[in-house]
Amino acid sequence: LLSSNVVNDLILLETMMDNMTGRQKDSCLLVRMLALRGLGNIASGAPEKVRKHGAKLLASMVNGMDDKDDPQNLVALEAMSSLSKLLDHLEERDVQSMLLHIAIRIRPFFDSEQPGLRQSSIVLFGNLTKFSQGHCEVFFEQILNGLVTLLLHLQDPKPEVVKACKFALRMCGPNMGCEGLCDMFLNHLREERSLHYGEFMNNVCKHLMQSYPEMLNRLILTNLFYFKSNWVDIRAAAPMFIGFLVLHVDEEQCQQVDLDHLISGEW
């Protein structure tokens, strides 16, 4: 009902929305999940009302992500999917006030065993970058925190997660302050284009070390974490990533790397 245009003709929308919001404290997990789905569907049925009630809807989605009684993260998944639908209709100031909290909250889902959680969290992260103006430095840190993960999950076994990573990286590119990297993401990560991963990563690492040589240790340490990934293609991609980073960094920066730590592959 809430996804249908008929709600534009209903004077009960606000009442329904209040009832849905109240169901977020229901003892039944399924009810909490479906309440969030209904609230997210307002983006389809009455997008102009989303802006009016943006702060309330955003709070509902954030509360859903923080649901403490959600062992399978079904409520969190619904909250992330619904928030992605709502974002285009929310006031920028409302989103910016919660931007950092949401980015930090969804980051652990990038490596979830559940493909749906990986996909939804990564798509939401990409959508959040549209609201980073005025918060560039703060959000840039979140991009750096997720960059290795997004690049490695281009080798994810699930095509829908690869597609999500391509989208998120294209969205992140303009916020990274490196024109070469931005162009690579926009040109090589188009949905319809196949990717030669090794060649792509070689060029990505070249741009990373030209623009952010001080990031070498941080990038290496994050990659070491993935040496024990459950996914074989990602385990293989992590040492390749490190190899290309070291290949393109200058000698002075390379001396800062703890080679014993790196060779042992421990983190």
Protein backbone atom coordinates (compact mmCIF):
# COMPACT_ATOMS: atom_id res chain seq x y z
CA LEU A 1 0.00 0.00 0.00
CA LEU A 2 2.72 2.47 0.98
CA SER A 3 4.60 1.83 -2.26
CA SER A 4 1.53 2.72 -4.34
CA ASN A 5 0.65 6.17 -5.64
CA VAL A 6 -2.76 5.74 -4.03
CA VAL A 7 -1.27 6.98 -0.74
CA ASN A 8 -1.14 10.45 -2.28
CA ASP A 9 -4.94 10.42 -2.07
CA LEU A 10 -5.05 9.16 1.50
CA ILE A 11 -5.29 11.49 4.45
CA LEU A 12 -4.13 8.60 6.63
CA LEU A 13 -0.49 8.55 5.51
CA GLU A 14 0.84 10.30 8.63
CA THR A 15 -1.22 8.02 10.88
CA MET A 16 0.05 4.94 9.07
CA MET A 17 3.59 6.21 9.27
CA ASP A 18 3.26 6.82 13.03
CA ASN A 19 1.91 3.29 13.46
CA MET A 20 4.79 1.83 11.45
CA THR A 21 7.28 3.77 13.54
CA GLY A 22 5.65 2.47 16.71
CA ARG A 23 6.04 -1.11 15.48
CA GLN A 24 9.83 -0.73 15.68
CA LYS A 25 9.60 -1.75 19.34
CA ASP A 26 7.46 -4.80 18.61
CA SER A 27 8.71 -8.01 20.20
CA CYS A 28 8.42 -9.85 16.86
CA LEU A 29 11.47 -9.44 14.64
CA LEU A 30 9.43 -9.96 11.46
CA VAL A 31 7.04 -7.15 12.41
CA ARG A 32 9.99 -4.78 13.01
CA MET A 33 11.46 -5.74 9.66
CA LEU A 34 8.21 -5.23 7.74
CA ALA A 35 7.58 -1.90 9.47
CA LEU A 36 10.88 -0.62 8.08
CA ARG A 37 9.99 -1.97 4.63
CA GLY A 38 6.71 -0.06 4.76
CA LEU A 39 8.47 3.17 5.78
CA GLY A 40 11.00 2.72 2.97
CA ASN A 41 8.20 2.19 0.46
CA ILE A 42 6.99 5.75 1.07
CA ALA A 43 9.84 6.74 -1.27
CA SER A 44 7.84 5.11 -4.10
CA GLY A 45 4.30 5.99 -3.03
CA ALA A 46 4.69 9.54 -1.71
CA PRO A 47 8.23 10.81 -2.32
CA GLU A 48 7.27 14.42 -1.57
CA LYS A 49 6.23 13.36 1.96
CA VAL A 50 9.66 11.84 2.58
CA ARG A 51 11.25 15.29 2.65
CA LYS A 52 8.63 16.55 5.11
CA HIS A 53 9.14 13.64 7.50
CA GLY A 54 12.81 13.05 6.68
CA ALA A 55 14.27 13.33 10.17
CA LYS A 56 11.71 10.87 11.56
CA LEU A 57 12.22 8.35 8.75
CA LEU A 58 15.99 8.61 9.00
CA ALA A 59 15.86 8.01 12.76
CA SER A 60 13.76 4.89 12.16
CA MET A 61 16.32 3.49 9.71
CA VAL A 62 19.24 4.21 12.03
CA ASN A 63 17.37 2.58 14.94
CA GLY A 64 16.78 -0.45 12.72
CA MET A 65 20.51 -0.76 12.01
CA ASP A 66 21.15 -0.63 15.75
CA ASP A 67 18.50 -3.27 16.62
CA LYS A 68 20.02 -5.28 19.47
CA ASP A 69 17.72 -8.30 19.13
CA ASP A 70 18.51 -9.17 15.52
CA PRO A 71 20.90 -12.16 15.40
CA GLN A 72 20.55 -12.67 11.62
CA ASN A 73 20.67 -8.90 10.92
CA LEU A 74 17.36 -9.08 9.05
CA VAL A 75 16.17 -5.79 10.51
CA ALA A 76 19.51 -4.14 9.71
CA LEU A 77 19.30 -5.43 6.14
CA GLU A 78 15.81 -3.98 5.71
CA ALA A 79 16.94 -0.68 7.24
CA MET A 80 19.89 -0.36 4.84
CA SER A 81 17.79 -1.28 1.78
CA SER A 82 15.02 1.13 2.76
CA LEU A 83 17.42 3.97 3.53
CA SER A 84 18.98 3.66 0.06
CA LYS A 85 15.48 4.14 -1.40
CA LEU A 86 14.76 7.15 0.82
CA LEU A 87 18.06 9.01 0.40
CA ASP A 88 17.19 10.74 -2.89
CA HIS A 89 14.20 12.37 -1.22
CA LEU A 90 15.72 13.38 2.13
CA GLU A 91 16.95 16.84 3.06
CA GLU A 92 20.74 17.06 2.86
CA ARG A 93 21.02 18.56 6.34
CA ASP A 94 19.09 15.64 7.86
CA VAL A 95 21.41 13.06 6.28
CA GLN A 96 24.60 14.98 7.08
CA SER A 97 23.74 15.03 10.77
CA MET A 98 23.81 11.20 10.78
CA LEU A 99 26.35 10.62 7.99
CA LEU A 100 29.30 9.53 10.11
CA HIS A 101 27.23 7.32 12.41
CA ILE A 102 25.67 5.46 9.47
CA ALA A 103 29.00 5.02 7.65
CA ILE A 104 30.66 3.56 10.75
CA ARG A 105 27.66 1.38 11.56
CA ILE A 106 27.43 -0.28 8.14
CA ARG A 107 31.16 -0.82 7.60
CA PRO A 108 31.31 -4.28 9.34
CA PHE A 109 28.62 -5.59 6.95
CA PHE A 110 31.00 -5.21 3.96
CA ASP A 111 32.54 -8.57 4.96
CA SER A 112 29.37 -10.31 6.13
CA GLU A 113 28.92 -13.97 5.28
CA GLN A 114 25.45 -13.02 3.96
CA PRO A 115 25.67 -11.69 0.38
CA GLY A 116 22.55 -9.56 0.86
CA LEU A 117 24.16 -7.70 3.75
CA ARG A 118 27.37 -7.16 1.79
CA GLN A 119 25.44 -5.84 -1.20
CA SER A 120 23.05 -3.56 0.70
CA SER A 121 25.69 -2.04 2.97
CA ILE A 122 28.06 -1.31 0.07
CA VAL A 123 25.30 0.23 -2.08
CA LEU A 124 24.22 2.38 0.87
CA PHE A 125 27.81 3.50 1.42
CA GLY A 126 28.02 4.57 -2.22
CA ASN A 127 24.76 6.49 -1.90
CA LEU A 128 26.00 8.26 1.24
CA THR A 129 28.92 9.83 -0.64
CA LYS A 130 26.45 12.18 -2.33
CA PHE A 131 25.98 13.90 1.02
CA SER A 132 29.65 14.30 1.95
CA GLN A 133 30.04 17.91 0.74
CA GLY A 134 30.98 20.06 3.68
CA HIS A 135 32.07 16.91 5.53
CA CYS A 136 34.73 15.90 3.02
CA GLU A 137 37.60 15.37 5.46
CA VAL A 138 35.50 13.34 7.89
CA PHE A 139 33.94 11.22 5.17
CA PHE A 140 37.24 10.86 3.30
CA GLU A 141 38.51 8.98 6.34
CA GLN A 142 35.55 6.58 6.00
CA ILE A 143 36.36 6.09 2.31
CA LEU A 144 39.95 5.24 3.20
CA ASN A 145 38.71 2.81 5.86
CA GLY A 146 36.61 0.96 3.28
CA LEU A 147 38.78 1.34 0.18
CA VAL A 148 40.79 -1.89 0.47
CA THR A 149 37.64 -3.87 1.22
CA LEU A 150 35.76 -2.45 -1.76
CA LEU A 151 38.68 -3.11 -4.12
CA LEU A 152 39.16 -6.68 -2.88
CA HIS A 153 35.45 -7.47 -3.09
CA LEU A 154 35.60 -6.75 -6.81
CA GLN A 155 36.69 -10.41 -6.65
CA ASP A 156 33.67 -11.38 -4.55
CA PRO A 157 32.06 -14.73 -5.52
CA LYS A 158 28.63 -13.07 -5.78
CA PRO A 159 28.03 -10.94 -8.93
CA GLU A 160 25.57 -8.68 -7.11
CA VAL A 161 28.28 -7.76 -4.57
CA VAL A 162 30.79 -7.05 -7.36
CA LYS A 163 28.20 -4.78 -8.98
CA ALA A 164 27.68 -2.99 -5.65
CA CYS A 165 31.44 -2.47 -5.24
CA LYS A 166 31.72 -1.01 -8.74
CA PHE A 167 28.92 1.42 -7.92
CA ALA A 168 30.39 2.43 -4.55
CA LEU A 169 33.87 2.99 -5.98
CA ARG A 170 32.49 5.11 -8.83
CA MET A 171 30.67 7.20 -6.24
CA CYS A 172 33.76 7.48 -4.00
CA GLY A 173 36.12 8.53 -6.82
CA PRO A 174 35.24 12.26 -6.96
CA ASN A 175 35.75 12.54 -3.18
CA MET A 176 39.30 11.16 -3.22
CA GLY A 177 41.17 14.16 -4.56
CA CYS A 178 42.95 12.13 -7.23
CA GLU A 179 41.78 12.75 -10.79
CA GLY A 180 43.56 9.71 -12.20
CA LEU A 181 41.94 7.38 -9.67
CA CYS A 182 38.53 8.95 -10.21
CA ASP A 183 38.83 8.50 -13.99
CA MET A 184 39.87 4.86 -13.55
CA PHE A 185 36.87 4.10 -11.35
CA LEU A 186 34.45 5.83 -13.73
CA ASN A 187 35.87 4.24 -16.89
CA HIS A 188 36.84 0.73 -15.78
CA LEU A 189 34.06 0.04 -13.25
CA ARG A 190 31.07 0.58 -15.49
CA GLU A 191 28.47 -2.12 -14.89
CA GLU A 192 28.54 -3.48 -18.42
CA ARG A 193 32.33 -3.54 -18.71
CA SER A 194 34.37 -6.63 -17.86
CA LEU A 195 37.38 -6.01 -15.63
CA HIS A 196 40.95 -7.26 -16.00
CA TYR A 197 41.54 -7.26 -12.27
CA GLY A 198 45.34 -7.56 -12.18
CA GLU A 199 45.92 -4.77 -14.69
CA PHE A 200 43.31 -2.59 -12.99
CA MET A 201 44.86 -3.05 -9.53
CA ASN A 202 48.34 -2.32 -10.86
CA ASN A 203 47.16 1.06 -12.12
CA VAL A 204 45.08 1.76 -9.00
CA CYS A 205 48.11 1.16 -6.78
CA LYS A 206 50.22 3.43 -8.97
CA HIS A 207 47.75 6.28 -8.44
CA LEU A 208 47.41 5.51 -4.72
CA MET A 209 51.16 5.65 -4.13
CA GLN A 210 51.53 8.82 -6.19
CA SER A 211 48.76 10.60 -4.29
CA TYR A 212 48.90 9.02 -0.82
CA PRO A 213 52.37 7.47 -0.25
CA GLU A 214 51.95 7.97 3.51
CA MET A 215 49.07 5.47 3.37
CA LEU A 216 51.33 2.53 2.47
CA ASN A 217 51.50 0.90 5.91
CA ARG A 218 47.80 1.36 6.53
CA LEU A 219 46.87 -0.18 3.18
CA ILE A 220 49.23 -3.10 3.73
CA LEU A 221 47.91 -3.85 7.23
CA THR A 222 44.32 -3.86 5.98
CA ASN A 223 45.26 -6.26 3.17
CA LEU A 224 46.99 -8.60 5.64
CA PHE A 225 43.64 -9.07 7.37
CA TYR A 226 42.28 -10.61 4.14
CA PHE A 227 45.04 -13.23 3.93
CA LYS A 228 42.65 -15.31 6.06
CA SER A 229 39.47 -14.47 4.12
CA ASN A 230 36.93 -17.25 3.63
CA TRP A 231 36.85 -16.46 -0.09
CA VAL A 232 39.76 -17.83 -2.09
CA ASP A 233 39.72 -15.14 -4.79
CA ILE A 234 39.89 -12.43 -2.13
CA ARG A 235 42.71 -14.27 -0.34
CA ALA A 236 44.57 -14.27 -3.66
CA ALA A 237 43.80 -10.61 -4.39
CA ALA A 238 45.19 -9.31 -1.07
CA PRO A 239 48.87 -10.27 -1.63
CA MET A 240 48.60 -9.05 -5.23
CA PHE A 241 47.36 -5.72 -3.90
CA ILE A 242 50.33 -5.47 -1.51
CA GLY A 243 52.77 -6.41 -4.28
CA PHE A 244 51.54 -3.62 -6.53
CA LEU A 245 51.63 -1.10 -3.66
CA VAL A 246 55.28 -1.90 -2.92
CA LEU A 247 56.10 -1.90 -6.62
CA HIS A 248 54.90 1.69 -7.09
CA VAL A 249 56.08 3.33 -3.86
CA ASP A 250 59.39 5.17 -3.73
CA GLU A 251 62.34 3.69 -1.85
CA GLU A 252 62.13 6.09 1.08
CA GLN A 253 58.53 5.18 1.85
CA CYS A 254 59.22 1.50 1.33
CA GLN A 255 61.77 1.54 4.16
CA GLN A 256 58.91 2.24 6.59
CA VAL A 257 57.41 -1.18 5.90
CA ASP A 258 58.08 -3.92 8.45
CA LEU A 259 59.24 -6.62 6.05
CA ASP A 260 59.30 -9.39 8.71
CA HIS A 261 55.71 -8.58 9.56
CA LEU A 262 54.77 -8.58 5.88
CA ILE A 263 56.58 -11.80 4.94
CA SER A 264 55.03 -13.68 7.86
CA GLY A 265 51.60 -12.62 6.60
CA GLU A 266 50.41 -11.94 10.14
CA TRP A 267 48.21 -9.12 11.29
